[in-house]
PDB file of N, CA and C in Angstrom:
ATOM      1  N   MET A   1      -5.674  -4.263  -8.485  1.00  0.00           N
ATOM      2  CA  MET A   1      -6.692  -5.233  -7.843  1.00  0.00           C
ATOM      3  C   MET A   1      -6.055  -5.814  -6.798  1.00  0.00           C
ATOM      4  N   ILE A   2      -6.476  -5.815  -5.552  1.00  0.00           N
ATOM      5  CA  ILE A   2      -6.280  -5.993  -4.077  1.00  0.00           C
ATOM      6  C   ILE A   2      -7.011  -7.823  -3.810  1.00  0.00           C
ATOM      7  N   GLU A   3      -6.399  -8.695  -3.586  1.00  0.00           N
ATOM      8  CA  GLU A   3      -6.684 -10.022  -3.057  1.00  0.00           C
ATOM      9  C   GLU A   3      -6.048  -9.894  -1.669  1.00  0.00           C
ATOM     10  N   CYS A   4      -7.318 -10.455  -0.656  1.00  0.00           N
ATOM     11  CA  CYS A   4      -6.687 -10.755   0.549  1.00  0.00           C
ATOM     12  C   CYS A   4      -7.485 -12.084   1.262  1.00  0.00           C
ATOM     13  N   ASN A   5      -6.543 -12.754   2.170  1.00  0.00           N
ATOM     14  CA  ASN A   5      -6.875 -14.020   2.737  1.00  0.00           C
ATOM     15  C   ASN A   5      -5.992 -13.934   3.952  1.00  0.00           C
ATOM     16  N   GLU A   6      -7.239 -13.847   4.881  1.00  0.00           N
ATOM     17  CA  GLU A   6      -6.673 -14.050   6.458  1.00  0.00           C
ATOM     18  C   GLU A   6      -5.482 -13.094   6.898  1.00  0.00           C
ATOM     19  N   GLY A   7      -5.533 -11.685   6.402  1.00  0.00           N
ATOM     20  CA  GLY A   7      -4.676 -10.879   6.572  1.00  0.00           C
ATOM     21  C   GLY A   7      -3.415 -10.425   5.976  1.00  0.00           C
ATOM     22  N   ARG A   8      -3.243 -11.484   5.067  1.00  0.00           N
ATOM     23  CA  ARG A   8      -2.278 -11.533   3.693  1.00  0.00           C
ATOM     24  C   ARG A   8      -2.899 -11.034   2.579  1.00  0.00           C
ATOM     25  N   CYS A   9      -2.385 -10.026   1.983  1.00  0.00           N
ATOM     26  CA  CYS A   9      -3.087  -9.225   1.119  1.00  0.00           C
ATOM     27  C   CYS A   9      -1.764  -9.001  -0.179  1.00  0.00           C
ATOM     28  N   THR A  10      -2.377  -9.199  -1.490  1.00  0.00           N
ATOM     29  CA  THR A  10      -1.638  -8.661  -2.496  1.00  0.00           C
ATOM     30  C   THR A  10      -2.062  -7.699  -3.345  1.00  0.00           C
ATOM     31  N   LEU A  11      -1.273  -7.020  -3.969  1.00  0.00           N
ATOM     32  CA  LEU A  11      -1.791  -5.639  -4.683  1.00  0.00           C
ATOM     33  C   LEU A  11      -0.854  -6.148  -6.416  1.00  0.00           C
ATOM     34  N   LYS A  12      -1.730  -5.922  -7.254  1.00  0.00           N
ATOM     35  CA  LYS A  12      -1.287  -6.272  -8.574  1.00  0.00           C
ATOM     36  C   LYS A  12      -1.584  -5.274  -9.409  1.00  0.00           C
ATOM     37  N   GLY A  13      -0.732  -4.833 -10.486  1.00  0.00           N
ATOM     38  CA  GLY A  13      -1.348  -4.099 -11.319  1.00  0.00           C
ATOM     39  C   GLY A  13      -0.428  -2.562 -11.354  1.00  0.00           C
ATOM     40  N   ALA A  14      -1.300  -1.496 -11.968  1.00  0.00           N
ATOM     41  CA  ALA A  14      -0.821  -0.116 -11.869  1.00  0.00           C
ATOM     42  C   ALA A  14      -1.297   0.540 -10.548  1.00  0.00           C
ATOM     43  N   VAL A  15      -0.598   1.598  -9.970  1.00  0.00           N
ATOM     44  CA  VAL A  15      -1.128   2.295  -8.763  1.00  0.00           C
ATOM     45  C   VAL A  15      -0.848   3.711  -9.274  1.00  0.00           C
ATOM     46  N   THR A  16      -1.728   3.969 -10.050  1.00  0.00           N
ATOM     47  CA  THR A  16      -1.394   5.612 -10.323  1.00  0.00           C
ATOM     48  C   THR A  16      -2.469   6.730  -9.969  1.00  0.00           C
ATOM     49  N   LEU A  17      -2.564   7.677 -10.625  1.00  0.00           N
ATOM     50  CA  LEU A  17      -3.631   8.716 -10.096  1.00  0.00           C
ATOM     51  C   LEU A  17      -4.879   8.196 -10.615  1.00  0.00           C
ATOM     52  N   GLU A  18      -4.995   7.196 -11.709  1.00  0.00           N
ATOM     53  CA  GLU A  18      -6.375   7.133 -12.189  1.00  0.00           C
ATOM     54  C   GLU A  18      -6.855   6.195 -11.539  1.00  0.00           C
ATOM     55  N   ASN A  19      -6.217   5.405 -10.561  1.00  0.00           N
ATOM     56  CA  ASN A  19      -7.158   4.387  -9.910  1.00  0.00           C
ATOM     57  C   ASN A  19      -6.843   4.133  -8.340  1.00  0.00           C
ATOM     58  N   ALA A  20      -6.109   5.306  -8.150  1.00  0.00           N
ATOM     59  CA  ALA A  20      -5.660   5.461  -6.550  1.00  0.00           C
ATOM     60  C   ALA A  20      -6.931   5.725  -5.583  1.00  0.00           C
ATOM     61  N   LEU A  21      -7.986   6.300  -6.287  1.00  0.00           N
ATOM     62  CA  LEU A  21      -9.170   6.376  -5.259  1.00  0.00           C
ATOM     63  C   LEU A  21      -9.970   4.972  -5.238  1.00  0.00           C
ATOM     64  N   THR A  22      -9.991   4.483  -6.054  1.00  0.00           N
ATOM     65  CA  THR A  22     -10.832   3.167  -6.371  1.00  0.00           C
ATOM     66  C   THR A  22      -9.777   2.157  -5.597  1.00  0.00           C
ATOM     67  N   LEU A  23      -8.674   2.160  -5.643  1.00  0.00           N
ATOM     68  CA  LEU A  23      -7.663   1.343  -4.498  1.00  0.00           C
ATOM     69  C   LEU A  23      -7.975   1.860  -3.293  1.00  0.00           C
ATOM     70  N   ARG A  24      -7.805   2.808  -2.954  1.00  0.00           N
ATOM     71  CA  ARG A  24      -8.254   3.562  -1.750  1.00  0.00           C
ATOM     72  C   ARG A  24      -9.128   2.764  -0.966  1.00  0.00           C
ATOM     73  N   GLU A  25     -10.271   2.816  -1.647  1.00  0.00           N
ATOM     74  CA  GLU A  25     -11.515   2.437  -1.071  1.00  0.00           C
ATOM     75  C   GLU A  25     -11.627   0.847  -0.929  1.00  0.00           C
ATOM     76  N   GLU A  26     -11.021   0.326  -1.847  1.00  0.00           N
ATOM     77  CA  GLU A  26     -11.081  -1.284  -1.799  1.00  0.00           C
ATOM     78  C   GLU A  26      -9.929  -1.725  -0.544  1.00  0.00           C
ATOM     79  N   GLY A  27      -9.060  -1.049  -0.569  1.00  0.00           N
ATOM     80  CA  GLY A  27      -8.152  -1.408   0.336  1.00  0.00           C
ATOM     81  C   GLY A  27      -8.851  -0.970   1.854  1.00  0.00           C
ATOM     82  N   LEU A  28      -9.712  -0.063   1.934  1.00  0.00           N
ATOM     83  CA  LEU A  28     -10.202   0.114   3.208  1.00  0.00           C
ATOM     84  C   LEU A  28     -11.074  -0.505   3.596  1.00  0.00           C
ATOM     85  N   ARG A  29     -11.832  -1.473   2.860  1.00  0.00           N
ATOM     86  CA  ARG A  29     -12.804  -2.434   2.927  1.00  0.00           C
ATOM     87  C   ARG A  29     -12.292  -3.824   3.300  1.00  0.00           C
ATOM     88  N   LEU A  30     -11.074  -3.836   2.393  1.00  0.00           N
ATOM     89  CA  LEU A  30     -10.779  -5.250   2.559  1.00  0.00           C
ATOM     90  C   LEU A  30      -9.597  -5.247   3.935  1.00  0.00           C
ATOM     91  N   PHE A  31      -8.740  -4.465   4.236  1.00  0.00           N
ATOM     92  CA  PHE A  31      -7.646  -4.809   5.314  1.00  0.00           C
ATOM     93  C   PHE A  31      -8.590  -4.791   6.429  1.00  0.00           C
ATOM     94  N   ALA A  32      -9.348  -5.615   6.960  1.00  0.00           N
ATOM     95  CA  ALA A  32      -9.975  -5.644   8.099  1.00  0.00           C
ATOM     96  C   ALA A  32      -9.403  -6.457   9.086  1.00  0.00           C
ATOM     97  N   ALA A  33      -8.292  -7.467   8.775  1.00  0.00           N
ATOM     98  CA  ALA A  33      -7.808  -7.869   9.878  1.00  0.00           C
ATOM     99  C   ALA A  33      -7.025  -7.014  10.865  1.00  0.00           C
ATOM    100  N   PRO A  34      -6.766  -7.504  12.076  1.00  0.00           N
ATOM    101  CA  PRO A  34      -5.832  -6.538  13.080  1.00  0.00           C
ATOM    102  C   PRO A  34      -4.510  -6.210  12.695  1.00  0.00           C
ATOM    103  N   GLU A  35      -3.919  -7.289  11.923  1.00  0.00           N
ATOM    104  CA  GLU A  35      -2.809  -7.130  11.352  1.00  0.00           C
ATOM    105  C   GLU A  35      -2.747  -7.463   9.961  1.00  0.00           C
ATOM    106  N   VAL A  36      -2.078  -6.654   8.742  1.00  0.00           N
ATOM    107  CA  VAL A  36      -2.397  -6.864   7.377  1.00  0.00           C
ATOM    108  C   VAL A  36      -0.875  -6.683   6.882  1.00  0.00           C
ATOM    109  N   THR A  37      -0.569  -7.727   6.197  1.00  0.00           N
ATOM    110  CA  THR A  37       0.926  -7.446   5.340  1.00  0.00           C
ATOM    111  C   THR A  37       0.356  -7.500   3.989  1.00  0.00           C
ATOM    112  N   LEU A  38       0.734  -6.653   3.406  1.00  0.00           N
ATOM    113  CA  LEU A  38       0.520  -6.367   1.894  1.00  0.00           C
ATOM    114  C   LEU A  38       1.746  -6.313   0.993  1.00  0.00           C
ATOM    115  N   ASP A  39       1.495  -7.444   0.196  1.00  0.00           N
ATOM    116  CA  ASP A  39       2.528  -7.862  -0.587  1.00  0.00           C
ATOM    117  C   ASP A  39       2.598  -6.940  -2.060  1.00  0.00           C
ATOM    118  N   LEU A  40       3.310  -6.160  -2.241  1.00  0.00           N
ATOM    119  CA  LEU A  40       3.303  -5.193  -3.445  1.00  0.00           C
ATOM    120  C   LEU A  40       4.470  -5.764  -4.648  1.00  0.00           C
ATOM    121  N   ALA A  41       4.641  -7.162  -4.760  1.00  0.00           N
ATOM    122  CA  ALA A  41       5.493  -7.404  -5.792  1.00  0.00           C
ATOM    123  C   ALA A  41       4.683  -7.658  -7.114  1.00  0.00           C
ATOM    124  N   GLY A  42       3.369  -7.416  -7.278  1.00  0.00           N
ATOM    125  CA  GLY A  42       2.791  -7.475  -8.444  1.00  0.00           C
ATOM    126  C   GLY A  42       2.228  -6.313  -8.868  1.00  0.00           C
ATOM    127  N   VAL A  43       3.058  -4.928  -8.300  1.00  0.00           N
ATOM    128  CA  VAL A  43       2.724  -3.499  -8.725  1.00  0.00           C
ATOM    129  C   VAL A  43       3.586  -3.228 -10.134  1.00  0.00           C
ATOM    130  N   THR A  44       2.909  -3.117 -11.072  1.00  0.00           N
ATOM    131  CA  THR A  44       3.757  -2.894 -12.430  1.00  0.00           C
ATOM    132  C   THR A  44       4.095  -1.710 -12.729  1.00  0.00           C
ATOM    133  N   GLU A  45       3.250  -0.406 -12.399  1.00  0.00           N
ATOM    134  CA  GLU A  45       3.455   0.575 -12.864  1.00  0.00           C
ATOM    135  C   GLU A  45       2.762   1.771 -11.546  1.00  0.00           C
ATOM    136  N   VAL A  46       3.720   2.759 -11.192  1.00  0.00           N
ATOM    137  CA  VAL A  46       3.405   3.713  -9.842  1.00  0.00           C
ATOM    138  C   VAL A  46       3.750   4.943 -10.485  1.00  0.00           C
ATOM    139  N   ASP A  47       3.047   6.050  -9.451  1.00  0.00           N
ATOM    140  CA  ASP A  47       3.388   7.404  -9.728  1.00  0.00           C
ATOM    141  C   ASP A  47       3.305   7.912  -8.452  1.00  0.00           C
ATOM    142  N   SER A  48       3.707   9.089  -8.198  1.00  0.00           N
ATOM    143  CA  SER A  48       3.439   9.969  -6.724  1.00  0.00           C
ATOM    144  C   SER A  48       2.245   9.244  -6.180  1.00  0.00           C
ATOM    145  N   ALA A  49       0.975   8.907  -6.425  1.00  0.00           N
ATOM    146  CA  ALA A  49      -0.134   8.640  -6.081  1.00  0.00           C
ATOM    147  C   ALA A  49      -0.216   7.226  -5.186  1.00  0.00           C
ATOM    148  N   ALA A  50       0.620   6.473  -5.600  1.00  0.00           N
ATOM    149  CA  ALA A  50       1.097   5.236  -4.859  1.00  0.00           C
ATOM    150  C   ALA A  50       1.579   5.583  -3.179  1.00  0.00           C
ATOM    151  N   VAL A  51       2.382   6.747  -3.490  1.00  0.00           N
ATOM    152  CA  VAL A  51       3.059   6.822  -2.127  1.00  0.00           C
ATOM    153  C   VAL A  51       1.891   7.339  -1.159  1.00  0.00           C
ATOM    154  N   SER A  52       1.282   8.279  -1.654  1.00  0.00           N
ATOM    155  CA  SER A  52      -0.126   8.775  -0.679  1.00  0.00           C
ATOM    156  C   SER A  52      -0.999   7.794  -0.684  1.00  0.00           C
ATOM    157  N   LEU A  53      -0.965   6.972  -1.643  1.00  0.00           N
ATOM    158  CA  LEU A  53      -1.951   5.684  -0.780  1.00  0.00           C
ATOM    159  C   LEU A  53      -1.487   4.591   0.143  1.00  0.00           C
ATOM    160  N   LEU A  54      -0.127   4.398   0.313  1.00  0.00           N
ATOM    161  CA  LEU A  54       0.210   3.709   1.476  1.00  0.00           C
ATOM    162  C   LEU A  54       0.153   4.683   2.813  1.00  0.00           C
ATOM    163  N   PHE A  55       0.553   5.875   2.456  1.00  0.00           N
ATOM    164  CA  PHE A  55       0.240   6.885   3.582  1.00  0.00           C
ATOM    165  C   PHE A  55      -1.005   6.875   4.098  1.00  0.00           C
ATOM    166  N   GLU A  56      -2.251   6.547   3.326  1.00  0.00           N
ATOM    167  CA  GLU A  56      -3.608   6.624   3.735  1.00  0.00           C
ATOM    168  C   GLU A  56      -3.826   5.245   4.157  1.00  0.00           C
ATOM    169  N   TRP A  57      -3.463   4.618   3.848  1.00  0.00           N
ATOM    170  CA  TRP A  57      -4.013   3.132   4.559  1.00  0.00           C
ATOM    171  C   TRP A  57      -3.178   2.846   5.967  1.00  0.00           C
ATOM    172  N   ARG A  58      -1.798   3.336   5.977  1.00  0.00           N
ATOM    173  CA  ARG A  58      -1.237   3.478   7.338  1.00  0.00           C
ATOM    174  C   ARG A  58      -1.887   4.023   8.157  1.00  0.00           C
ATOM    175  N   ARG A  59      -2.472   5.363   7.971  1.00  0.00           N
ATOM    176  CA  ARG A  59      -3.255   6.303   8.955  1.00  0.00           C
ATOM    177  C   ARG A  59      -4.534   5.499   9.244  1.00  0.00           C
ATOM    178  N   ALA A  60      -5.189   5.177   8.065  1.00  0.00           N
ATOM    179  CA  ALA A  60      -6.582   4.357   8.539  1.00  0.00           C
ATOM    180  C   ALA A  60      -6.281   3.189   9.258  1.00  0.00           C
ATOM    181  N   ALA A  61      -5.411   2.216   9.232  1.00  0.00           N
ATOM    182  CA  ALA A  61      -5.168   1.138  10.228  1.00  0.00           C
ATOM    183  C   ALA A  61      -4.495   1.662  11.671  1.00  0.00           C
ATOM    184  N   LEU A  62      -3.903   2.647  11.899  1.00  0.00           N
ATOM    185  CA  LEU A  62      -3.565   3.498  12.959  1.00  0.00           C
ATOM    186  C   LEU A  62      -4.895   3.928  13.671  1.00  0.00           C
ATOM    187  N   ALA A  63      -5.586   4.366  12.896  1.00  0.00           N
ATOM    188  CA  ALA A  63      -6.841   5.001  13.350  1.00  0.00           C
ATOM    189  C   ALA A  63      -7.608   3.742  13.974  1.00  0.00           C
ATOM    190  N   ALA A  64      -8.012   2.783  13.345  1.00  0.00           N
ATOM    191  CA  ALA A  64      -8.692   1.623  13.843  1.00  0.00           C
ATOM    192  C   ALA A  64      -7.875   0.373  14.991  1.00  0.00           C
ATOM    193  N   ASN A  65      -6.868   1.237  15.114  1.00  0.00           N
ATOM    194  CA  ASN A  65      -5.910   0.187  16.068  1.00  0.00           C
ATOM    195  C   ASN A  65      -5.301  -1.106  15.723  1.00  0.00           C
ATOM    196  N   ARG A  66      -5.177  -0.718  14.153  1.00  0.00           N
ATOM    197  CA  ARG A  66      -4.871  -2.331  13.298  1.00  0.00           C
ATOM    198  C   ARG A  66      -3.297  -2.007  13.177  1.00  0.00           C
ATOM    199  N   THR A  67      -2.587  -2.873  12.360  1.00  0.00           N
ATOM    200  CA  THR A  67      -0.943  -2.432  11.612  1.00  0.00           C
ATOM    201  C   THR A  67      -1.025  -3.115  10.392  1.00  0.00           C
ATOM    202  N   ILE A  68      -0.521  -2.400   9.392  1.00  0.00           N
ATOM    203  CA  ILE A  68      -0.210  -2.922   8.281  1.00  0.00           C
ATOM    204  C   ILE A  68       1.431  -2.376   8.069  1.00  0.00           C
ATOM    205  N   ARG A  69       1.529  -3.794   7.122  1.00  0.00           N
ATOM    206  CA  ARG A  69       2.951  -3.491   6.907  1.00  0.00           C
ATOM    207  C   ARG A  69       3.306  -3.749   4.894  1.00  0.00           C
ATOM    208  N   TYR A  70       4.346  -3.221   4.581  1.00  0.00           N
ATOM    209  CA  TYR A  70       4.353  -3.441   3.186  1.00  0.00           C
ATOM    210  C   TYR A  70       5.496  -4.228   2.998  1.00  0.00           C
ATOM    211  N   VAL A  71       5.292  -5.202   2.142  1.00  0.00           N
ATOM    212  CA  VAL A  71       6.183  -5.894   1.684  1.00  0.00           C
ATOM    213  C   VAL A  71       6.783  -6.094   0.190  1.00  0.00           C
ATOM    214  N   ASN A  72       7.640  -6.342  -0.193  1.00  0.00           N
ATOM    215  CA  ASN A  72       8.382  -6.581  -1.785  1.00  0.00           C
ATOM    216  C   ASN A  72       7.836  -5.191  -2.776  1.00  0.00           C
ATOM    217  N   LEU A  73       8.157  -4.201  -2.388  1.00  0.00           N
ATOM    218  CA  LEU A  73       8.173  -2.993  -2.916  1.00  0.00           C
ATOM    219  C   LEU A  73       8.829  -2.869  -4.292  1.00  0.00           C
ATOM    220  N   PRO A  74       8.225  -2.719  -5.083  1.00  0.00           N
ATOM    221  CA  PRO A  74       8.960  -2.715  -6.250  1.00  0.00           C
ATOM    222  C   PRO A  74       9.791  -1.964  -6.507  1.00  0.00           C
ATOM    223  N   ASP A  75      11.027  -1.818  -7.273  1.00  0.00           N
ATOM    224  CA  ASP A  75      12.187  -0.875  -7.215  1.00  0.00           C
ATOM    225  C   ASP A  75      11.653   0.652  -7.531  1.00  0.00           C
ATOM    226  N   ASN A  76      10.780   0.641  -8.632  1.00  0.00           N
ATOM    227  CA  ASN A  76      10.371   2.098  -9.096  1.00  0.00           C
ATOM    228  C   ASN A  76       9.450   2.829  -7.697  1.00  0.00           C
ATOM    229  N   LEU A  77       8.746   2.018  -6.995  1.00  0.00           N
ATOM    230  CA  LEU A  77       7.865   2.413  -6.025  1.00  0.00           C
ATOM    231  C   LEU A  77       8.917   2.793  -4.189  1.00  0.00           C
ATOM    232  N   THR A  78       9.850   1.927  -4.522  1.00  0.00           N
ATOM    233  CA  THR A  78      11.008   2.315  -3.520  1.00  0.00           C
ATOM    234  C   THR A  78      11.828   3.800  -3.880  1.00  0.00           C
ATOM    235  N   SER A  79      12.185   3.745  -5.407  1.00  0.00           N
ATOM    236  CA  SER A  79      13.093   4.824  -5.747  1.00  0.00           C
ATOM    237  C   SER A  79      12.131   6.411  -5.433  1.00  0.00           C
ATOM    238  N   LEU A  80      10.397   6.058  -5.422  1.00  0.00           N
ATOM    239  CA  LEU A  80       9.757   7.507  -5.424  1.00  0.00           C
ATOM    240  C   LEU A  80       9.857   7.558  -3.770  1.00  0.00           C
ATOM    241  N   ALA A  81       9.903   6.571  -2.850  1.00  0.00           N
ATOM    242  CA  ALA A  81       9.672   6.995  -1.392  1.00  0.00           C
ATOM    243  C   ALA A  81      11.178   7.692  -1.060  1.00  0.00           C
ATOM    244  N   THR A  82      12.047   7.106  -1.770  1.00  0.00           N
ATOM    245  CA  THR A  82      13.616   7.562  -1.325  1.00  0.00           C
ATOM    246  C   THR A  82      13.644   9.055  -2.076  1.00  0.00           C
ATOM    247  N   LEU A  83      13.349   9.523  -3.136  1.00  0.00           N
ATOM    248  CA  LEU A  83      13.043  10.247  -3.796  1.00  0.00           C
ATOM    249  C   LEU A  83      12.672  11.534  -2.841  1.00  0.00           C
ATOM    250  N   TYR A  84      11.445  11.120  -2.484  1.00  0.00           N
ATOM    251  CA  TYR A  84      10.564  12.006  -1.315  1.00  0.00           C
ATOM    252  C   TYR A  84      11.189  11.847   0.416  1.00  0.00           C
ATOM    253  N   GLY A  85      11.986  11.125   0.477  1.00  0.00           N
ATOM    254  CA  GLY A  85      12.297  11.023   1.478  1.00  0.00           C
ATOM    255  C   GLY A  85      11.697  10.394   2.674  1.00  0.00           C
ATOM    256  N   VAL A  86      10.509   9.550   2.238  1.00  0.00           N
ATOM    257  CA  VAL A  86       9.659   8.844   3.148  1.00  0.00           C
ATOM    258  C   VAL A  86       9.895   7.436   3.378  1.00  0.00           C
ATOM    259  N   THR A  87      11.135   6.669   2.932  1.00  0.00           N
ATOM    260  CA  THR A  87      11.302   5.567   2.803  1.00  0.00           C
ATOM    261  C   THR A  87      10.976   4.999   4.335  1.00  0.00           C
ATOM    262  N   GLU A  88      11.389   5.434   5.213  1.00  0.00           N
ATOM    263  CA  GLU A  88      11.207   5.159   6.565  1.00  0.00           C
ATOM    264  C   GLU A  88       9.623   5.261   6.891  1.00  0.00           C
ATOM    265  N   LEU A  89       8.946   5.706   6.671  1.00  0.00           N
ATOM    266  CA  LEU A  89       7.342   6.424   6.848  1.00  0.00           C
ATOM    267  C   LEU A  89       6.302   5.270   6.270  1.00  0.00           C
ATOM    268  N   VAL A  90       6.768   5.107   5.070  1.00  0.00           N
ATOM    269  CA  VAL A  90       6.281   4.028   4.569  1.00  0.00           C
ATOM    270  C   VAL A  90       6.157   2.766   4.874  1.00  0.00           C
ATOM    271  N   GLY A  91       7.256   2.595   5.763  1.00  0.00           N
ATOM    272  CA  GLY A  91       7.660   1.305   6.348  1.00  0.00           C
ATOM    273  C   GLY A  91       8.121   0.100   5.425  1.00  0.00           C
ATOM    274  N   ALA A  92       8.507   0.570   4.572  1.00  0.00           N
ATOM    275  CA  ALA A  92       9.202  -0.393   3.616  1.00  0.00           C
ATOM    276  C   ALA A  92       9.975  -1.390   3.929  1.00  0.00           C
ATOM    277  N   GLU A  93       9.971  -2.574   3.485  1.00  0.00           N
ATOM    278  CA  GLU A  93      10.723  -3.734   3.941  1.00  0.00           C
ATOM    279  C   GLU A  93      11.372  -4.564   3.080  1.00  0.00           C
TER     280      GLU A  93
END
């Protein structure tokens, strides 16, 4: 589930292949501010789809001349990004 308030958004719950498409569409709809900060502290479960989802949101933001940054990545997501060698591409902080 994604909640946004004036460019500050939170993502909570699982981010897996099962719900990645739904979250993708929800994020594309909600991330309308010129600058979005997405807090991932509430993410409870991830798989490789989560990394792809972060890339997709970043690509969409760049295409729309917006910025999105990710904060408070949970350890399991950071581990996946490290495993794939894409930590800097995700822009994890």
